[in-house]
Protein backbone atom coordinates (compact mmCIF):
# COMPACT_ATOMS: atom_id res chain seq x y z
CA ASP A 1 31.19 -7.39 -18.67
CA ALA A 2 28.23 -6.54 -16.44
CA SER A 3 25.12 -5.15 -18.14
CA ALA A 4 24.22 -3.09 -15.06
CA ILE A 5 25.98 -2.11 -11.84
CA LEU A 6 24.33 -1.48 -8.48
CA PHE A 7 26.64 0.50 -6.20
CA MET A 8 25.34 0.40 -2.63
CA LEU A 9 25.90 3.23 -0.17
CA ASP A 10 24.82 3.60 3.43
CA PHE A 11 22.34 6.45 3.86
CA LYS A 12 23.94 7.31 7.20
CA GLY A 13 27.32 8.24 5.76
CA VAL A 14 29.98 7.86 3.06
CA ASN A 15 33.58 7.01 3.93
CA ALA A 16 36.85 7.61 2.09
CA GLN A 17 36.73 4.22 0.40
CA ASP A 18 33.24 4.99 -0.92
CA ASP A 19 34.52 8.29 -2.36
CA GLU A 20 37.35 6.47 -4.10
CA LEU A 21 35.01 3.90 -5.62
CA LEU A 22 32.58 6.60 -6.70
CA GLU A 23 35.34 8.21 -8.75
CA GLY A 24 36.55 4.88 -10.12
CA PHE A 25 33.07 3.89 -11.26
CA ARG A 26 32.42 7.17 -13.06
CA LYS A 27 33.51 5.69 -16.39
CA TYR A 28 30.62 3.20 -16.00
CA ALA A 29 28.04 5.89 -15.18
CA ASP A 30 25.82 4.93 -18.12
CA LYS A 31 25.09 1.52 -16.58
CA LEU A 32 25.35 2.31 -12.88
CA VAL A 33 22.61 2.83 -10.30
CA LEU A 34 23.62 4.56 -7.08
CA VAL A 35 21.60 2.67 -4.45
CA VAL A 36 21.22 4.51 -1.14
CA ASN A 37 20.27 1.85 1.40
CA LYS A 38 18.79 1.97 4.93
CA VAL A 39 16.32 4.75 4.14
CA ASP A 40 13.87 3.04 6.48
CA ASP A 41 11.84 6.12 7.41
CA PRO A 42 9.86 7.99 4.70
CA SER A 43 10.83 11.25 6.43
CA HIS A 44 14.41 10.65 5.22
CA ASP A 45 13.46 10.45 1.54
CA ASN A 46 14.22 14.11 0.88
CA ALA A 47 17.66 13.86 2.52
CA ALA A 48 18.51 11.01 0.15
CA TRP A 49 18.41 13.52 -2.70
CA ASN A 50 21.78 14.80 -1.45
CA PHE A 51 23.38 11.80 -3.11
CA HIS A 52 22.54 13.30 -6.52
CA SER A 53 25.44 15.67 -5.86
CA TYR A 54 27.81 12.87 -6.91
CA GLY A 55 26.66 13.44 -10.49
CA TYR A 56 25.21 10.03 -11.28
CA LYS A 57 22.10 9.92 -13.44
CA ARG A 58 20.31 7.15 -11.52
CA VAL A 59 19.96 7.37 -7.74
CA CYS A 60 17.50 5.17 -5.84
CA ALA A 61 16.73 5.41 -2.13
CA ILE A 62 15.72 2.04 -0.70
CA SER A 63 15.37 0.06 2.49
CA ALA A 64 16.30 -3.55 1.75
CA SER A 65 15.13 -4.69 5.20
CA HIS A 66 11.73 -2.99 4.84
CA ALA A 67 11.31 -3.59 1.09
CA ARG A 68 10.97 0.15 0.41
CA GLY A 69 11.85 1.59 -3.00
CA LEU A 70 12.50 -1.77 -4.66
CA GLY A 71 10.07 -1.02 -7.46
CA ASP A 72 11.97 2.18 -8.37
CA LEU A 73 15.22 0.24 -8.28
CA GLU A 74 13.85 -2.39 -10.63
CA ASP A 75 12.62 0.34 -12.99
CA ALA A 76 16.11 1.88 -13.01
CA VAL A 77 17.76 -1.46 -13.87
CA CYS A 78 15.20 -2.17 -16.59
CA GLY A 79 15.84 1.31 -17.99
CA ILE A 80 19.54 0.54 -18.34
CA LEU A 81 18.86 -2.81 -20.01
CA LYS A 82 16.40 -1.28 -22.45
CA GLU A 83 18.91 1.42 -23.40
CA LYS A 84 21.34 -1.37 -24.23
CA GLY A 85 18.72 -3.23 -26.27
CA LEU A 86 18.60 -6.18 -23.89
CA ALA A 87 15.46 -8.21 -23.11
CA ALA A 88 14.34 -6.20 -20.10
CA ASP A 89 10.70 -7.01 -20.79
CA SER A 90 11.21 -10.31 -19.03
CA PHE A 91 11.42 -8.41 -15.74
CA ASP A 92 8.02 -6.86 -16.34
CA ARG A 93 6.41 -10.17 -17.29
CA ARG A 94 7.60 -12.28 -14.40
CA ASP A 95 4.58 -11.44 -12.23
CA GLU A 96 2.22 -10.59 -15.09
CA GLU A 97 -0.21 -13.40 -14.26
CA CYS A 98 -0.80 -11.83 -10.87
CA SER A 99 -1.04 -8.22 -12.07
CA PRO A 100 -4.22 -6.22 -12.75
CA SER A 101 -5.05 -6.17 -16.45
CA ASP A 102 -5.00 -2.44 -17.05
CA GLY A 103 -2.42 -1.29 -14.51
CA GLU A 104 -3.77 2.25 -14.75
CA ARG A 105 -5.93 2.58 -11.67
CA MET A 106 -3.93 5.55 -10.42
CA ALA A 107 -5.15 8.84 -11.78
CA GLY A 108 -1.67 10.03 -12.61
CA GLY A 109 0.47 6.90 -12.80
CA ASP A 110 0.93 3.71 -10.81
CA LYS A 111 3.04 5.26 -8.06
CA GLU A 112 2.22 8.09 -5.72
CA GLY A 113 5.49 9.76 -6.65
CA GLU A 114 4.36 10.02 -10.28
CA LEU A 115 1.22 12.00 -9.47
CA ASP A 116 1.35 15.58 -10.72
CA LEU A 117 -0.28 17.13 -7.67
CA ASP A 118 -0.23 20.55 -9.35
CA ASP A 119 -2.57 19.36 -12.11
CA LEU A 120 -5.78 18.88 -10.14
CA ASP A 121 -8.02 19.13 -13.19
CA GLY A 122 -5.93 16.53 -14.97
CA ILE A 123 -6.07 14.19 -11.96
CA GLN A 124 -9.86 14.42 -11.87
CA ARG A 125 -10.19 13.83 -15.63
CA ARG A 126 -7.91 10.80 -15.56
CA LEU A 127 -9.63 9.32 -12.53
CA ALA A 128 -13.01 9.69 -14.22
CA SER A 129 -11.67 7.86 -17.29
CA VAL A 130 -10.24 4.90 -15.34
CA LYS A 131 -12.28 1.78 -16.00
CA THR A 132 -13.14 -0.54 -13.12
CA ASP A 133 -13.57 -4.29 -13.44
CA ASP A 134 -15.45 -5.99 -10.62
CA ARG A 135 -15.46 -9.25 -12.62
CA HIS A 136 -11.75 -9.89 -12.11
CA ILE A 137 -10.08 -9.86 -8.70
CA VAL A 138 -6.40 -10.50 -8.01
CA ILE A 139 -5.74 -11.92 -4.54
CA SER A 140 -2.55 -12.86 -2.73
CA ILE A 141 -2.37 -15.30 0.16
CA MET A 142 0.23 -14.20 2.69
CA GLY A 143 1.26 -14.92 6.23
CA LYS A 144 3.81 -16.69 8.34
CA PRO A 145 5.03 -20.11 7.23
CA ASN A 146 2.84 -23.11 8.01
CA THR A 147 -0.41 -21.24 8.68
CA GLY A 148 -2.38 -23.08 5.98
CA LYS A 149 -1.83 -20.78 3.01
CA SER A 150 -1.10 -23.60 0.58
CA THR A 151 -4.09 -25.62 1.77
CA LEU A 152 -6.32 -22.60 1.14
CA SER A 153 -4.77 -22.00 -2.28
CA ASN A 154 -5.34 -25.62 -3.30
CA LEU A 155 -8.93 -25.40 -2.09
CA PHE A 156 -9.53 -22.30 -4.24
CA LEU A 157 -7.93 -23.83 -7.34
CA GLY A 158 -9.36 -27.31 -6.93
CA GLU A 159 -5.96 -28.91 -7.45
CA ASP A 160 -2.71 -29.47 -5.57
CA LYS A 161 -0.63 -26.68 -7.09
CA SER A 162 0.92 -25.71 -3.75
CA ILE A 163 2.86 -28.27 -1.74
CA VAL A 164 1.17 -28.91 1.62
CA SER A 165 3.50 -29.96 4.43
CA ASP A 166 3.94 -29.59 8.16
CA ILE A 167 7.47 -28.34 7.44
CA ALA A 168 7.47 -24.54 7.53
CA GLY A 169 8.75 -22.84 4.39
CA THR A 170 7.76 -25.55 1.89
CA THR A 171 6.37 -23.03 -0.61
CA ARG A 172 9.38 -21.24 -2.09
CA ASP A 173 7.87 -19.45 -5.08
CA ILE A 174 4.62 -17.74 -6.01
CA VAL A 175 2.06 -20.31 -7.12
CA ARG A 176 -0.59 -18.91 -9.46
CA GLY A 177 -3.94 -20.01 -10.78
CA ASP A 178 -7.46 -18.88 -11.64
CA PHE A 179 -10.91 -19.94 -10.51
CA GLU A 180 -14.44 -18.56 -10.86
CA TYR A 181 -17.06 -17.81 -8.21
CA LYS A 182 -20.43 -16.12 -8.78
CA GLY A 183 -19.35 -15.00 -12.23
CA VAL A 184 -16.17 -13.35 -10.90
CA LEU A 185 -12.74 -14.50 -12.12
CA PHE A 186 -10.26 -14.79 -9.25
CA SER A 187 -6.52 -14.84 -9.90
CA VAL A 188 -4.89 -16.27 -6.80
CA CYS A 189 -1.23 -16.11 -5.80
CA ASP A 190 0.06 -18.35 -3.00
CA THR A 191 3.26 -16.73 -1.76
CA ALA A 192 6.22 -17.96 0.21
CA GLY A 193 5.71 -17.58 3.95
CA ILE A 194 7.40 -14.46 5.30
CA ARG A 195 9.50 -15.26 8.34
CA ARG A 196 11.86 -13.17 10.44
CA LYS A 197 14.92 -11.90 8.59
CA SER A 198 17.25 -13.93 10.82
CA LYS A 199 15.47 -17.10 9.64
CA VAL A 200 15.85 -16.36 5.92
CA ASN A 201 19.11 -18.18 5.27
CA GLU A 202 18.82 -19.58 1.76
CA ASP A 203 19.10 -17.47 -1.40
CA ILE A 204 16.07 -19.12 -3.03
CA GLU A 205 13.86 -18.35 -0.05
CA TYR A 206 15.24 -14.79 0.19
CA TYR A 207 14.20 -13.95 -3.37
CA SER A 208 10.87 -15.77 -3.00
CA VAL A 209 10.04 -13.65 0.05
CA ASN A 210 11.00 -10.44 -1.73
CA ARG A 211 8.80 -11.37 -4.69
CA ALA A 212 5.97 -12.10 -2.26
CA ILE A 213 6.36 -8.62 -0.75
CA ARG A 214 6.47 -7.03 -4.21
CA ASN A 215 3.31 -8.91 -5.11
CA ILE A 216 1.28 -7.00 -2.50
CA GLY A 217 1.22 -3.89 -4.67
CA GLU A 218 -0.02 -5.91 -7.65
CA SER A 219 -2.97 -7.45 -5.77
CA ASP A 220 -6.46 -6.12 -5.23
CA VAL A 221 -6.95 -7.97 -1.96
CA VAL A 222 -4.43 -9.68 0.33
CA LEU A 223 -5.50 -12.54 2.58
CA LEU A 224 -3.37 -12.41 5.72
CA VAL A 225 -3.66 -15.96 7.04
CA ILE A 226 -3.21 -16.36 10.81
CA ASP A 227 -3.21 -19.58 12.80
CA CYS A 228 -6.07 -19.05 15.24
CA GLN A 229 -4.37 -21.25 17.85
CA GLU A 230 -1.03 -19.51 17.66
CA GLY A 231 -2.63 -16.08 17.45
CA ILE A 232 -1.05 -12.89 16.18
CA THR A 233 2.73 -12.52 16.15
CA ASP A 234 5.16 -9.66 15.56
CA GLN A 235 5.76 -11.03 12.08
CA ASP A 236 2.04 -10.76 11.28
CA LYS A 237 2.20 -7.10 12.30
CA LYS A 238 5.13 -6.47 9.96
CA ILE A 239 3.29 -8.10 7.06
CA ALA A 240 0.21 -5.99 7.86
CA SER A 241 2.33 -2.82 7.78
CA LEU A 242 3.55 -3.73 4.29
CA ILE A 243 -0.02 -4.28 3.12
CA ILE A 244 -1.20 -0.93 4.53
CA GLU A 245 1.77 0.90 3.00
CA ARG A 246 0.85 -0.41 -0.45
CA GLY A 247 -2.87 0.33 -0.03
CA ALA A 248 -4.22 -3.12 -0.92
CA GLY A 249 -7.44 -4.46 0.51
CA VAL A 250 -6.90 -6.96 3.30
CA VAL A 251 -8.85 -9.72 5.04
CA LEU A 252 -7.62 -11.14 8.34
CA VAL A 253 -8.19 -14.87 7.83
CA LEU A 254 -8.23 -16.89 11.05
CA ASN A 255 -7.49 -20.41 9.85
CA LYS A 256 -7.91 -23.75 11.67
CA VAL A 257 -11.11 -22.72 13.48
CA ASP A 258 -12.09 -26.40 13.43
CA LEU A 259 -9.60 -26.87 16.25
CA LEU A 260 -11.51 -24.46 18.50
CA GLU A 261 -14.13 -26.09 20.70
CA LYS A 262 -16.46 -23.12 21.22
CA GLN A 263 -17.57 -19.98 19.37
CA SER A 264 -16.50 -17.98 22.42
CA GLN A 265 -12.90 -19.04 21.76
CA PHE A 266 -13.09 -17.64 18.23
CA ASN A 267 -14.62 -14.41 19.55
CA ALA A 268 -11.79 -14.09 22.06
CA VAL A 269 -9.15 -14.57 19.34
CA SER A 270 -10.94 -12.06 17.08
CA ASP A 271 -11.20 -9.48 19.88
CA ARG A 272 -7.52 -9.86 20.69
CA LEU A 273 -6.73 -9.44 17.01
CA ARG A 274 -8.62 -6.14 16.97
CA PHE A 275 -6.85 -4.99 20.13
CA LEU A 276 -3.36 -5.78 18.83
CA PHE A 277 -4.08 -4.61 15.27
CA PRO A 278 -5.56 -1.10 15.70
CA GLN A 279 -4.09 -0.02 12.34
CA LEU A 280 -6.25 -2.70 10.70
CA SER A 281 -9.47 -1.82 12.49
CA PHE A 282 -11.18 -1.51 9.08
CA ALA A 283 -10.18 -5.00 7.89
CA PRO A 284 -12.80 -7.78 8.03
CA VAL A 285 -12.00 -10.83 10.19
CA VAL A 286 -13.17 -14.15 8.73
CA GLY A 287 -12.78 -17.53 10.39
CA ILE A 288 -12.17 -20.54 8.16
CA SER A 289 -10.91 -24.08 8.13
CA ALA A 290 -9.12 -24.61 4.82
CA LEU A 291 -8.66 -28.28 5.68
CA LYS A 292 -12.36 -28.83 6.45
CA HIS A 293 -13.63 -26.43 3.74
CA LYS A 294 -15.44 -24.26 6.30
CA GLY A 295 -16.09 -20.52 5.92
CA VAL A 296 -14.72 -20.27 2.37
CA THR A 297 -17.96 -18.96 0.83
CA LYS A 298 -18.12 -16.14 3.38
CA LEU A 299 -14.47 -15.35 2.65
CA LEU A 300 -15.05 -15.06 -1.10
CA ASP A 301 -18.14 -12.87 -0.60
CA THR A 302 -16.06 -10.62 1.66
CA ILE A 303 -13.35 -10.30 -1.02
CA ILE A 304 -15.93 -9.29 -3.64
CA GLY A 305 -17.29 -6.59 -1.30
CA ILE A 306 -13.79 -5.22 -0.67
CA LYS A 307 -13.03 -5.04 -4.39
CA ARG A 308 -16.16 -2.97 -4.99
CA GLN A 309 -15.11 -0.56 -2.25
CA LEU A 310 -11.59 -0.29 -3.70
CA ASP A 311 -13.17 0.86 -6.99
CA THR A 312 -15.14 3.64 -5.27
CA LYS A 313 -14.98 7.04 -7.01
CA VAL A 314 -16.03 9.93 -4.77
CA PRO A 315 -17.24 13.04 -6.65
CA THR A 316 -15.13 16.04 -5.70
CA SER A 317 -18.20 18.19 -5.00
CA SER A 318 -19.66 15.58 -2.64
CA LEU A 319 -16.34 15.17 -0.85
CA ASN A 320 -15.88 18.88 -0.23
CA SER A 321 -19.49 19.34 0.90
CA ALA A 322 -19.04 16.54 3.42
CA LEU A 323 -15.71 17.97 4.58
CA GLU A 324 -17.31 21.33 5.29
CA GLN A 325 -19.98 19.65 7.43
CA TRP A 326 -17.42 17.56 9.33
CA ASN A 327 -15.27 20.62 9.92
CA ARG A 328 -18.19 22.38 11.56
CA SER A 329 -18.68 19.43 13.90
CA PHE A 330 -15.01 18.99 14.73
CA SER A 331 -12.44 21.55 13.59
CA PRO A 332 -8.73 20.67 13.40
CA PRO A 333 -6.98 21.28 16.75
CA ARG A 334 -4.86 24.40 16.82
CA ASN A 335 -1.28 24.73 17.97
CA GLY A 336 -1.00 27.92 19.97
CA ASN A 337 -1.93 30.71 17.58
CA VAL A 338 -1.64 28.46 14.54
CA TRP A 339 -4.93 27.37 12.97
CA TYR A 340 -5.20 24.45 10.59
CA LYS A 341 -7.84 23.72 7.98
CA VAL A 342 -8.50 21.72 4.84
CA LEU A 343 -9.20 24.11 1.97
CA TYR A 344 -9.94 21.63 -0.80
CA ALA A 345 -9.93 17.88 -1.33
CA THR A 346 -10.09 15.51 -4.29
CA GLN A 347 -9.61 11.81 -4.92
CA VAL A 348 -6.46 10.93 -6.86
CA SER A 349 -6.73 7.16 -7.29
CA ILE A 350 -8.73 4.00 -6.83
CA SER A 351 -7.39 0.63 -5.75
CA PRO A 352 -5.56 1.95 -3.73
CA VAL A 353 -7.99 4.67 -2.66
CA ARG A 354 -6.07 7.90 -2.12
CA PHE A 355 -7.09 11.49 -1.58
CA LEU A 356 -5.27 14.81 -1.86
CA PHE A 357 -5.99 17.47 0.77
CA ILE A 358 -4.88 21.03 0.12
CA VAL A 359 -4.31 22.62 3.52
CA ASN A 360 -3.39 26.09 4.69
CA ARG A 361 -0.37 24.76 6.61
CA LYS A 362 1.19 21.32 6.13
CA LYS A 363 3.84 21.45 8.85
CA GLY A 364 2.41 20.18 12.10
CA PHE A 365 -1.00 19.42 10.59
CA PRO A 366 -2.78 17.33 13.27
CA GLU A 367 -2.63 13.63 12.49
CA SER A 368 -5.63 13.14 14.76
CA TYR A 369 -7.76 15.25 12.41
CA VAL A 370 -6.56 13.32 9.35
CA SER A 371 -7.57 10.08 11.10
CA TYR A 372 -10.93 11.62 12.00
CA VAL A 373 -11.61 12.55 8.37
CA LYS A 374 -10.49 9.12 7.11
CA ASN A 375 -12.99 7.42 9.41
CA LYS A 376 -15.72 9.86 8.36
CA MET A 377 -15.00 9.19 4.66
CA ARG A 378 -15.08 5.43 5.17
CA LYS A 379 -18.47 5.60 6.83
CA HIS A 380 -20.06 8.30 4.65
CA PHE A 381 -18.90 6.93 1.28
CA LYS A 382 -19.28 3.24 2.25
CA MET A 383 -15.57 2.37 2.24
CA ASP A 384 -15.51 0.95 5.75
CA SER A 385 -13.57 -2.24 4.88
CA ILE A 386 -10.58 -0.82 2.98
CA PRO A 387 -7.49 1.30 3.68
CA VAL A 388 -7.80 4.98 2.78
CA SER A 389 -4.75 7.22 2.52
CA VAL A 390 -4.47 11.00 2.45
CA VAL A 391 -1.69 13.14 0.95
CA LEU A 392 -1.36 16.68 2.32
CA ARG A 393 -0.20 19.58 0.19
CA GLU A 394 0.16 23.13 1.35
CA ARG A 395 -1.74 25.74 -0.63
CA GLU A 396 0.35 27.93 -2.88
CA ARG A 397 -0.65 31.33 -4.20
CA LYS A 398 -2.04 29.88 -7.41
CA ASP A 399 -4.31 27.62 -5.32
CA ARG A 400 -6.13 30.45 -3.55
CA SER A 401 -9.26 29.98 -5.62
CA GLN A 402 -9.60 26.45 -4.25
CA THR A 403 -11.46 26.30 -0.95
CA ILE A 404 -14.30 24.25 0.44
CA PHE A 405 -15.77 27.25 2.24
CA SER A 406 -18.47 29.39 0.74
CA SER A 407 -17.82 33.04 -0.02
CA SER A 408 -20.27 34.02 2.70
CA GLU A 409 -18.24 32.07 5.26
CA GLU A 410 -15.01 33.63 4.09
CA SER A 411 -16.53 37.11 4.23
CA ARG A 412 -17.53 36.82 7.87
CA PRO A 413 -15.61 38.98 10.34
CA LYS A 414 -12.31 37.42 11.37
CA SER A 415 -13.21 37.39 15.05
CA GLU A 416 -16.41 35.52 14.27
CA ARG A 417 -14.75 32.98 11.97
CA LYS A 418 -12.12 32.30 14.57
CA LYS A 419 -14.63 30.70 16.88
CA ASN A 420 -15.32 28.00 14.31
CA GLY A 421 -11.72 27.47 13.26
CA PHE A 422 -12.04 29.23 9.91
CA SER A 423 -9.66 32.13 10.56
CA ARG A 424 -6.78 32.82 8.24
C-alpha cells in the first residue's frame, strides 16, 4: 500500500540478503528509490554510480549522518508522488516561508550537479539575467542548544515566538517570522539546536534537526550562535562545515558578552575562535547580548553587507585579467615535470558564489593555489566576508580556444615560457 519505497543499501558492500531483496522488490521498481547510504566523502560519489547496475531508475547516494544528498532524495520521492498524482507539492511548500523568492540564483540550476559546465556561454547569459534583491534577506539562527538562539529570534521579531528556557533542546521546530530594518525585509528562521548524534534520541527532535540542516541551503546568511563563556565546541565545527558546504553567508555570533567583565576577555575569545576556525577566517565575528539587547544593530548591518557580497557578479573579462596578473606573481606549484595552470575562469552562480576554472590538468591540481586564488578574489572583488567555492574542469579539445593568456605569451619560446610556469 506504500506510495513510495526507500530501499537502503550500505555503500561499503551488498550481501546475499540484499541481492535477494533487490530481486523481490523489482516488481515495485516504479515507486522505489535505491538509497546508497554512508557516502560520507564526496570522492566516493562516482563509485556510487555502480549501484545503477541493478537496473533501478532512481538511485540516490546519501550520507544520513552528514546530511549529504538529502535534497536529491527528497526530489526523487516527490517525483514518484507526482507521477502517481499525489499531493507532492506539500513537500516543496513546507519551508517556503524561509526560502528565497526566486530560487534561481544559480546560473544553471539550484544545485551544482545541475550546472551544464560544457555550456559556458549559456552559464554567463543566465548569470547575467539573474535578478538580485538586496531588500529581502533570509537568515537562519543555528548553533548548539541553549546558546541563546530563541532569545535572539524573539528580539528580532519583537514577540515571543520561540520558547526561551534554560532546558537545552526546547525549540523543536523551525520558528519563522519577518521584521524590517533600514528598509530591508528580514525573514528569520530559529532552528532546533543541533546536538551530537548520540544525544538525538526522540523522533521529533531528529526530524527537527534534519530540517534545520536542510534550511541552511535555503538561507542567505546563517547566524552561528556561540556561547562566549563556553567557547567553541566540536559541534560548532560540524555545524560550520555544513554551512561552508552549502555556500551560505555566515556570521559567528558570540552571545552573552554581558557576562564578560572586560573587552580583553572578548578579544581573547574572538582570537581563539579564529585560531580554531581557520576554515571560517572570512566570517565576521560579532559580539552580542540578546538578553540585554546589545550589539544587535551591528549584527544586522553586518548581515546586510554579507548579502550584498553574496550577490556579487564578477565580469568574466575582469576575472581572467586578474588571474593572469596573479599567475605572474605566484604560479601554481609543479609536481616533478608536471606543470599546472588555469586557462580560463568564469563565475557560475551567486548566493552561493561559485566559479568554474578550466585547467590544463585537474588531477593533482595544487589545492594551495586554489586557496591562494580564492583569497585574491575575495580581496580584489570585495567579497572578503563570504565563502567562495571553485570547481575545476580539465580542458578538452573543444576548449582549446579558451585561455587567459595572450597570443603573444603563448607564442613565446617554450624554454622561455617555462620559467614563468606557462609551458604546455
